[in-house]
Protein backbone atom coordinates (compact mmCIF):
# COMPACT_ATOMS: atom_id res chain seq x y z
CA UNK A 1 -35.12 105.75 95.83
CA UNK A 2 -33.54 106.67 92.51
CA UNK A 3 -34.73 105.65 89.04
CA UNK A 4 -32.59 102.52 88.86
CA UNK A 5 -33.89 101.45 92.28
CA UNK A 6 -37.48 101.78 91.09
CA UNK A 7 -36.65 99.89 87.90
CA UNK A 8 -35.12 97.02 89.89
CA UNK A 9 -38.10 96.88 92.22
CA UNK A 10 -40.48 96.78 89.26
CA UNK A 11 -38.38 94.01 87.68
CA UNK A 12 -38.65 92.01 90.91
CA UNK A 13 -42.43 92.49 91.02
CA UNK A 14 -42.81 91.57 87.35
CA UNK A 15 -40.68 88.45 87.82
CA UNK A 16 -42.73 87.32 90.80
CA UNK A 17 -45.97 87.81 88.88
CA UNK A 18 -44.59 86.04 85.79
CA UNK A 19 -43.79 83.00 87.95
CA UNK A 20 -47.22 83.05 89.55
CA UNK A 21 -45.80 83.86 92.98
CA UNK A 22 -47.62 86.00 95.50
CA UNK A 23 -46.15 89.40 96.17
CA UNK A 24 -46.10 90.53 99.81
CA UNK A 25 -45.63 94.30 99.91
CA UNK A 26 -44.85 94.03 103.62
CA UNK A 27 -41.44 92.53 102.98
CA UNK A 28 -39.99 95.64 101.37
CA UNK A 29 -37.50 97.40 103.63
CA UNK A 30 -35.80 100.50 102.33
CA UNK A 31 -32.27 101.57 103.06
CA UNK A 32 -29.48 103.51 101.45
CA UNK A 33 -25.78 102.97 101.02
CA UNK A 34 -24.89 104.00 104.55
CA UNK A 35 -23.85 100.93 106.56
CA UNK A 36 -26.20 101.60 109.47
CA UNK A 37 -29.16 102.04 107.11
CA UNK A 38 -28.47 98.71 105.40
CA UNK A 39 -28.18 96.95 108.73
CA UNK A 40 -31.41 98.36 110.17
CA UNK A 41 -33.35 97.68 106.95
CA UNK A 42 -32.35 94.03 107.11
CA UNK A 43 -33.18 93.85 110.83
CA UNK A 44 -36.77 94.72 109.90
CA UNK A 45 -36.91 91.70 107.59
CA UNK A 46 -35.07 89.01 109.55
CA UNK A 47 -37.92 88.28 112.02
CA UNK A 48 -40.06 87.20 109.07
CA UNK A 49 -37.85 84.10 108.65
CA UNK A 50 -38.13 84.09 104.89
CA UNK A 51 -36.34 81.54 102.74
CA UNK A 52 -35.25 84.09 100.14
CA UNK A 53 -34.17 87.68 99.85
CA UNK A 54 -33.57 90.22 97.13
CA UNK A 55 -31.29 93.22 97.26
CA UNK A 56 -30.99 95.83 94.55
CA UNK A 57 -27.20 95.94 94.85
CA UNK A 58 -24.48 93.90 96.55
CA UNK A 59 -23.79 96.58 99.14
CA UNK A 60 -27.40 96.28 100.33
CA UNK A 61 -27.20 92.49 100.43
CA UNK A 62 -24.60 92.60 103.18
CA UNK A 63 -27.09 94.40 105.43
CA UNK A 64 -27.32 91.59 108.00
CA UNK A 65 -23.67 92.10 108.89
CA UNK A 66 -23.06 94.51 111.70
CA UNK A 67 -21.18 97.61 110.68
């Protein structure tokens, strides 16, 4: 993960803490900008049936879509 990726992750963690929300480290899936990587990272998260999601960039947010 590059510097901006770490900064965004830290911003997410700080925002969760500032709102008094629990942080579950187990919901962090890492991928890169390769389509297959984005897809497989999201496949790790989907079984958790969460109500929300956070992606560092738009290209990662489309991970659930098959390449």
